[in-house]
């Protein structure tokens, strides 16, 4: 057989191949349409989820700012309280130190001669007073 004649076996093989390609094309078109529909559905759901996420972010930012302000206020009040306590303790310590100095004879601002209360004490002769 010469051209344009084709054997039945070859014709059926080409026909089967053509039908296979048409089937694949149709399946690809169905898959494409399904993908587009799923993408549109997901996009609408994403928009709703995106709005919820945005709302949550706004609320989170507001709460974070409120928390930062509260921390600052607590820190300031704590610092003020600690400063007041430290000043009170310093005054108390100064009063106690003054009372101790008076009790041991150091009240005049200079060290006094210890010979009156230490009878065996003798001042060294090499040191000029």
N, C-alpha and C. Protein backbone atom coordinates (compact mmCIF):
# COMPACT_ATOMS: atom_id res chain seq x y z
N UNK A 1 0.83 -1.17 0.00
CA UNK A 1 0.00 0.00 0.00
C UNK A 1 0.87 1.23 0.00
N UNK A 2 0.45 2.07 -0.79
CA UNK A 2 1.17 3.32 -0.91
C UNK A 2 0.33 4.45 -0.39
N UNK A 3 0.98 5.50 -0.30
CA UNK A 3 0.34 6.69 0.20
C UNK A 3 -0.72 7.12 -0.77
N UNK A 4 -1.83 7.59 -0.41
CA UNK A 4 -2.57 7.99 0.77
C UNK A 4 -3.27 6.86 1.48
N UNK A 5 -3.02 5.64 1.06
CA UNK A 5 -3.68 4.53 1.72
C UNK A 5 -3.00 4.23 3.05
N UNK A 6 -3.84 3.93 4.06
CA UNK A 6 -3.32 3.65 5.40
C UNK A 6 -3.96 2.33 5.84
N UNK A 7 -3.18 1.53 6.51
CA UNK A 7 -3.72 0.26 6.98
C UNK A 7 -4.69 0.50 8.14
N UNK A 8 -5.60 -0.41 8.33
CA UNK A 8 -6.58 -0.27 9.39
C UNK A 8 -5.89 -0.25 10.75
N UNK A 9 -4.89 -1.07 10.93
CA UNK A 9 -4.18 -1.11 12.21
C UNK A 9 -3.56 0.25 12.51
N UNK A 10 -2.93 0.83 11.52
CA UNK A 10 -2.31 2.15 11.71
C UNK A 10 -3.37 3.20 11.94
N UNK A 11 -4.48 3.13 11.20
CA UNK A 11 -5.57 4.09 11.36
C UNK A 11 -6.16 4.01 12.76
N UNK A 12 -6.37 2.82 13.24
CA UNK A 12 -6.93 2.65 14.58
C UNK A 12 -5.95 3.12 15.65
N UNK A 13 -4.67 2.94 15.43
CA UNK A 13 -3.66 3.41 16.39
C UNK A 13 -3.65 4.93 16.44
N UNK A 14 -3.72 5.56 15.24
CA UNK A 14 -3.74 7.02 15.20
C UNK A 14 -5.05 7.53 15.80
N UNK A 15 -6.13 6.89 15.52
CA UNK A 15 -7.43 7.29 16.05
C UNK A 15 -7.44 7.16 17.58
N UNK A 16 -6.90 6.08 18.10
CA UNK A 16 -6.83 5.88 19.55
C UNK A 16 -5.95 6.97 20.19
N UNK A 17 -4.86 7.28 19.53
CA UNK A 17 -3.97 8.32 20.04
C UNK A 17 -4.69 9.67 20.06
N UNK A 18 -5.44 9.97 19.00
CA UNK A 18 -6.20 11.22 18.92
C UNK A 18 -7.23 11.29 20.03
N UNK A 19 -7.93 10.20 20.27
CA UNK A 19 -8.95 10.17 21.33
C UNK A 19 -8.31 10.34 22.71
N UNK A 20 -7.15 9.74 22.88
CA UNK A 20 -6.42 9.90 24.16
C UNK A 20 -6.04 11.36 24.37
N UNK A 21 -5.53 12.02 23.33
CA UNK A 21 -5.16 13.43 23.45
C UNK A 21 -6.38 14.31 23.72
N UNK A 22 -7.51 14.02 23.06
CA UNK A 22 -8.74 14.79 23.32
C UNK A 22 -9.19 14.60 24.77
N UNK A 23 -9.11 13.37 25.24
CA UNK A 23 -9.50 13.10 26.63
C UNK A 23 -8.61 13.85 27.62
N UNK A 24 -7.31 13.85 27.35
CA UNK A 24 -6.39 14.59 28.22
C UNK A 24 -6.69 16.08 28.18
N UNK A 25 -6.96 16.60 26.97
CA UNK A 25 -7.28 18.02 26.84
C UNK A 25 -8.53 18.36 27.63
N UNK A 26 -9.56 17.54 27.49
CA UNK A 26 -10.80 17.79 28.23
C UNK A 26 -10.58 17.71 29.74
N UNK A 27 -9.77 16.75 30.17
CA UNK A 27 -9.49 16.61 31.59
C UNK A 27 -8.70 17.82 32.11
N UNK A 28 -7.74 18.29 31.34
CA UNK A 28 -7.00 19.49 31.73
C UNK A 28 -7.92 20.69 31.84
N UNK A 29 -8.87 20.83 30.91
CA UNK A 29 -9.82 21.94 30.96
C UNK A 29 -10.68 21.84 32.21
N UNK A 30 -11.15 20.63 32.55
CA UNK A 30 -11.95 20.45 33.77
C UNK A 30 -11.12 20.79 35.02
N UNK A 31 -9.88 20.32 35.04
CA UNK A 31 -9.01 20.61 36.19
C UNK A 31 -8.74 22.10 36.31
N UNK A 32 -8.53 22.77 35.18
CA UNK A 32 -8.30 24.21 35.20
C UNK A 32 -9.51 24.94 35.75
N UNK A 33 -10.71 24.58 35.30
CA UNK A 33 -11.92 25.23 35.79
C UNK A 33 -12.12 24.97 37.28
N UNK A 34 -11.86 23.74 37.71
CA UNK A 34 -11.99 23.42 39.13
C UNK A 34 -10.98 24.20 39.96
N UNK A 35 -9.77 24.34 39.44
CA UNK A 35 -8.74 25.10 40.14
C UNK A 35 -9.14 26.56 40.27
N UNK A 36 -9.66 27.13 39.18
CA UNK A 36 -10.09 28.53 39.24
C UNK A 36 -11.21 28.72 40.24
N UNK A 37 -12.17 27.80 40.25
CA UNK A 37 -13.29 27.91 41.18
C UNK A 37 -12.79 27.79 42.62
N UNK A 38 -11.89 26.85 42.86
CA UNK A 38 -11.33 26.69 44.21
C UNK A 38 -10.53 27.93 44.61
N UNK A 39 -9.82 28.52 43.67
CA UNK A 39 -9.04 29.72 43.97
C UNK A 39 -9.95 30.89 44.32
N UNK A 40 -11.06 31.03 43.59
CA UNK A 40 -12.01 32.10 43.89
C UNK A 40 -12.63 31.90 45.27
N UNK A 41 -12.99 30.66 45.59
CA UNK A 41 -13.56 30.35 46.91
C UNK A 41 -12.54 30.64 48.01
N UNK A 42 -11.31 30.21 47.78
CA UNK A 42 -10.27 30.45 48.78
C UNK A 42 -9.99 31.94 48.94
N UNK A 43 -10.05 32.67 47.84
CA UNK A 43 -9.81 34.11 47.92
C UNK A 43 -10.88 34.79 48.75
N UNK A 44 -12.13 34.38 48.58
CA UNK A 44 -13.19 34.99 49.39
C UNK A 44 -13.04 34.60 50.85
N UNK A 45 -12.65 33.35 51.11
CA UNK A 45 -12.42 32.94 52.49
C UNK A 45 -11.20 33.63 53.06
N UNK A 46 -10.18 33.82 52.24
CA UNK A 46 -8.99 34.51 52.70
C UNK A 46 -9.30 35.94 53.06
N UNK A 47 -10.17 36.58 52.30
CA UNK A 47 -10.55 37.96 52.59
C UNK A 47 -11.20 38.04 53.96
N UNK A 48 -12.10 37.09 54.27
CA UNK A 48 -12.73 37.08 55.58
C UNK A 48 -11.70 36.82 56.68
N UNK A 49 -10.83 35.86 56.43
CA UNK A 49 -9.79 35.56 57.41
C UNK A 49 -8.83 36.73 57.57
N UNK A 50 -8.53 37.40 56.46
CA UNK A 50 -7.64 38.55 56.50
C UNK A 50 -8.25 39.67 57.33
N UNK A 51 -9.55 39.88 57.19
CA UNK A 51 -10.23 40.91 57.99
C UNK A 51 -10.16 40.56 59.47
N UNK A 52 -10.38 39.28 59.81
CA UNK A 52 -10.31 38.86 61.21
C UNK A 52 -8.89 39.04 61.73
N UNK A 53 -7.91 38.69 60.92
CA UNK A 53 -6.51 38.85 61.33
C UNK A 53 -6.18 40.32 61.56
N UNK A 54 -6.64 41.17 60.67
CA UNK A 54 -6.39 42.61 60.81
C UNK A 54 -7.03 43.13 62.09
N UNK A 55 -8.27 42.71 62.35
CA UNK A 55 -8.94 43.13 63.59
C UNK A 55 -8.15 42.65 64.81
N UNK A 56 -7.69 41.42 64.77
CA UNK A 56 -6.92 40.88 65.90
C UNK A 56 -5.62 41.65 66.08
N UNK A 57 -4.98 42.04 64.98
CA UNK A 57 -3.74 42.81 65.08
C UNK A 57 -3.98 44.18 65.70
N UNK A 58 -5.09 44.81 65.33
CA UNK A 58 -5.41 46.13 65.89
C UNK A 58 -5.65 46.02 67.38
N UNK A 59 -6.44 45.01 67.79
CA UNK A 59 -6.72 44.80 69.21
C UNK A 59 -5.42 44.50 69.95
N UNK A 60 -4.57 43.67 69.37
CA UNK A 60 -3.30 43.32 69.99
C UNK A 60 -2.42 44.55 70.17
N UNK A 61 -2.38 45.41 69.17
CA UNK A 61 -1.57 46.62 69.26
C UNK A 61 -2.09 47.54 70.36
N UNK A 62 -3.42 47.68 70.44
CA UNK A 62 -4.00 48.52 71.50
C UNK A 62 -3.67 47.97 72.88
N UNK A 63 -3.80 46.65 73.04
CA UNK A 63 -3.49 46.04 74.33
C UNK A 63 -2.02 46.18 74.67
N UNK A 64 -1.16 46.05 73.68
CA UNK A 64 0.28 46.21 73.91
C UNK A 64 0.60 47.63 74.37
N UNK A 65 -0.02 48.62 73.73
CA UNK A 65 0.20 50.01 74.13
C UNK A 65 -0.30 50.26 75.54
N UNK A 66 -1.48 49.72 75.88
CA UNK A 66 -2.01 49.87 77.23
C UNK A 66 -1.09 49.21 78.26
N UNK A 67 -0.59 48.04 77.94
CA UNK A 67 0.30 47.33 78.84
C UNK A 67 1.61 48.10 79.04
N UNK A 68 2.14 48.68 77.97
CA UNK A 68 3.37 49.46 78.08
C UNK A 68 3.15 50.69 78.97
N UNK A 69 2.00 51.35 78.80
CA UNK A 69 1.70 52.52 79.63
C UNK A 69 1.55 52.11 81.10
N UNK A 70 0.89 50.98 81.35
CA UNK A 70 0.72 50.52 82.73
C UNK A 70 2.06 50.15 83.35
N UNK A 71 2.94 49.49 82.57
CA UNK A 71 4.27 49.15 83.08
C UNK A 71 5.06 50.41 83.43
N UNK A 72 4.96 51.42 82.57
CA UNK A 72 5.67 52.67 82.83
C UNK A 72 5.15 53.32 84.11
N UNK A 73 3.84 53.32 84.27
CA UNK A 73 3.24 53.93 85.46
C UNK A 73 3.65 53.17 86.72
N UNK A 74 3.64 51.85 86.66
CA UNK A 74 4.06 51.04 87.81
C UNK A 74 5.53 51.28 88.13
N UNK A 75 6.35 51.35 87.08
CA UNK A 75 7.79 51.58 87.30
C UNK A 75 8.02 52.94 87.93
N UNK A 76 7.31 53.97 87.47
CA UNK A 76 7.48 55.30 88.05
C UNK A 76 7.04 55.33 89.50
N UNK A 77 5.90 54.71 89.80
CA UNK A 77 5.43 54.71 91.19
C UNK A 77 6.37 53.88 92.06
N UNK A 78 6.90 52.80 91.53
CA UNK A 78 7.84 51.98 92.29
C UNK A 78 9.13 52.75 92.55
N UNK A 79 9.63 53.45 91.55
CA UNK A 79 10.85 54.23 91.73
C UNK A 79 10.63 55.32 92.77
N UNK A 80 9.48 55.99 92.69
CA UNK A 80 9.17 57.04 93.67
C UNK A 80 9.08 56.45 95.07
N UNK A 81 8.42 55.31 95.18
CA UNK A 81 8.28 54.65 96.48
C UNK A 81 9.64 54.24 97.02
N UNK A 82 10.49 53.66 96.17
CA UNK A 82 11.81 53.23 96.62
C UNK A 82 12.68 54.41 97.00
N UNK A 83 12.56 55.52 96.27
CA UNK A 83 13.34 56.72 96.63
C UNK A 83 12.91 57.24 98.00
N UNK A 84 11.60 57.26 98.24
CA UNK A 84 11.10 57.72 99.53
C UNK A 84 11.59 56.80 100.65
N UNK A 85 11.53 55.49 100.41
CA UNK A 85 12.02 54.55 101.43
C UNK A 85 13.52 54.72 101.66
N UNK A 86 14.28 54.91 100.59
CA UNK A 86 15.72 55.07 100.72
C UNK A 86 16.06 56.33 101.50
N UNK A 87 15.35 57.42 101.23
CA UNK A 87 15.59 58.67 101.97
C UNK A 87 15.26 58.49 103.45
N UNK A 88 14.15 57.81 103.75
CA UNK A 88 13.77 57.57 105.15
C UNK A 88 14.82 56.71 105.85
N UNK A 89 15.30 55.67 105.18
CA UNK A 89 16.33 54.81 105.77
C UNK A 89 17.65 55.56 105.96
N UNK A 90 17.97 56.47 105.02
CA UNK A 90 19.20 57.27 105.17
C UNK A 90 19.09 58.18 106.39
N UNK A 91 17.92 58.81 106.55
CA UNK A 91 17.73 59.67 107.74
C UNK A 91 17.84 58.84 109.02
N UNK A 92 17.24 57.67 109.04
CA UNK A 92 17.28 56.79 110.21
C UNK A 92 18.73 56.36 110.48
N UNK A 93 19.46 55.97 109.41
CA UNK A 93 20.85 55.55 109.59
C UNK A 93 21.71 56.70 110.09
N UNK A 94 21.47 57.91 109.59
CA UNK A 94 22.23 59.08 110.06
C UNK A 94 21.96 59.35 111.54
N UNK A 95 20.69 59.22 111.95
CA UNK A 95 20.35 59.43 113.36
C UNK A 95 21.00 58.37 114.24
N UNK A 96 20.97 57.11 113.78
CA UNK A 96 21.61 56.05 114.55
C UNK A 96 23.12 56.24 114.63
N UNK A 97 23.72 56.69 113.52
CA UNK A 97 25.16 56.94 113.52
C UNK A 97 25.50 58.06 114.49
N UNK A 98 24.67 59.10 114.54
CA UNK A 98 24.90 60.22 115.46
C UNK A 98 24.79 59.75 116.90
N UNK A 99 23.78 58.92 117.16
CA UNK A 99 23.63 58.40 118.52
C UNK A 99 24.81 57.52 118.90
N UNK A 100 25.30 56.70 117.97
CA UNK A 100 26.46 55.86 118.24
C UNK A 100 27.70 56.72 118.49
N UNK A 101 27.89 57.76 117.66
CA UNK A 101 29.03 58.66 117.85
C UNK A 101 28.97 59.33 119.22
N UNK A 102 27.78 59.77 119.61
CA UNK A 102 27.62 60.40 120.93
C UNK A 102 27.92 59.38 122.04
N UNK A 103 27.49 58.15 121.87
CA UNK A 103 27.67 57.13 122.90
C UNK A 103 29.14 56.77 123.09
N UNK A 104 29.94 56.79 122.04
CA UNK A 104 31.35 56.42 122.18
C UNK A 104 32.25 57.64 122.29
N UNK A 105 31.68 58.82 122.36
CA UNK A 105 32.48 60.01 122.59
C UNK A 105 33.01 60.64 121.33
N UNK A 106 32.40 60.43 120.19
CA UNK A 106 32.87 61.03 118.95
C UNK A 106 31.95 62.16 118.49
N UNK A 107 31.23 62.77 119.41
CA UNK A 107 30.22 63.74 119.01
C UNK A 107 30.75 65.08 118.57
N UNK A 108 31.96 65.49 118.97
CA UNK A 108 32.43 66.84 118.68
C UNK A 108 33.04 66.99 117.30
N UNK A 109 33.14 65.97 116.56
CA UNK A 109 33.72 66.08 115.24
C UNK A 109 35.20 65.77 115.24
N UNK A 110 35.80 65.63 116.41
CA UNK A 110 37.20 65.26 116.50
C UNK A 110 37.33 64.10 117.46
N UNK A 111 38.39 63.36 117.33
CA UNK A 111 38.62 62.22 118.22
C UNK A 111 39.23 62.75 119.50
N UNK A 112 38.64 62.38 120.58
CA UNK A 112 39.11 62.86 121.87
C UNK A 112 40.19 61.94 122.43
N UNK A 113 40.90 62.46 123.42
CA UNK A 113 41.94 61.70 124.10
C UNK A 113 41.28 60.58 124.90
N UNK A 114 41.78 59.37 124.72
CA UNK A 114 41.16 58.23 125.37
C UNK A 114 41.76 57.94 126.76
N UNK A 115 42.66 58.75 127.21
CA UNK A 115 43.31 58.48 128.50
C UNK A 115 42.34 58.51 129.67
N UNK A 116 41.25 59.31 129.67
CA UNK A 116 40.36 59.27 130.84
C UNK A 116 39.68 57.92 131.01
N UNK A 117 39.34 57.22 130.00
CA UNK A 117 38.63 55.94 130.19
C UNK A 117 39.52 54.72 129.95
N UNK A 118 40.81 54.98 129.62
CA UNK A 118 41.76 53.89 129.50
C UNK A 118 42.97 54.21 130.40
N UNK A 119 42.91 53.75 131.61
CA UNK A 119 43.95 54.16 132.57
C UNK A 119 45.36 53.68 132.22
N UNK A 120 45.53 52.56 131.55
CA UNK A 120 46.87 52.08 131.26
C UNK A 120 47.44 52.62 129.96
N UNK A 121 46.74 53.49 129.31
CA UNK A 121 47.16 53.98 128.02
C UNK A 121 48.22 55.06 128.18
N UNK A 122 49.26 55.01 127.35
CA UNK A 122 50.28 56.05 127.35
C UNK A 122 50.46 56.50 125.91
N UNK A 123 50.45 57.78 125.71
CA UNK A 123 50.64 58.34 124.37
C UNK A 123 52.08 58.16 123.94
N UNK A 124 52.29 57.90 122.70
CA UNK A 124 53.66 57.71 122.21
C UNK A 124 54.36 59.06 122.18
N UNK A 125 55.66 59.09 122.44
CA UNK A 125 56.39 60.33 122.52
C UNK A 125 56.91 60.80 121.19
N UNK A 126 56.97 59.91 120.20
CA UNK A 126 57.50 60.28 118.90
C UNK A 126 56.49 60.98 118.02
N UNK A 127 55.26 60.94 118.37
CA UNK A 127 54.23 61.54 117.52
C UNK A 127 53.87 62.90 118.07
N UNK A 128 53.94 63.92 117.26
CA UNK A 128 53.59 65.27 117.70
C UNK A 128 52.11 65.48 117.49
N UNK A 129 51.42 65.96 118.52
CA UNK A 129 50.00 66.19 118.42
C UNK A 129 49.69 67.63 118.25
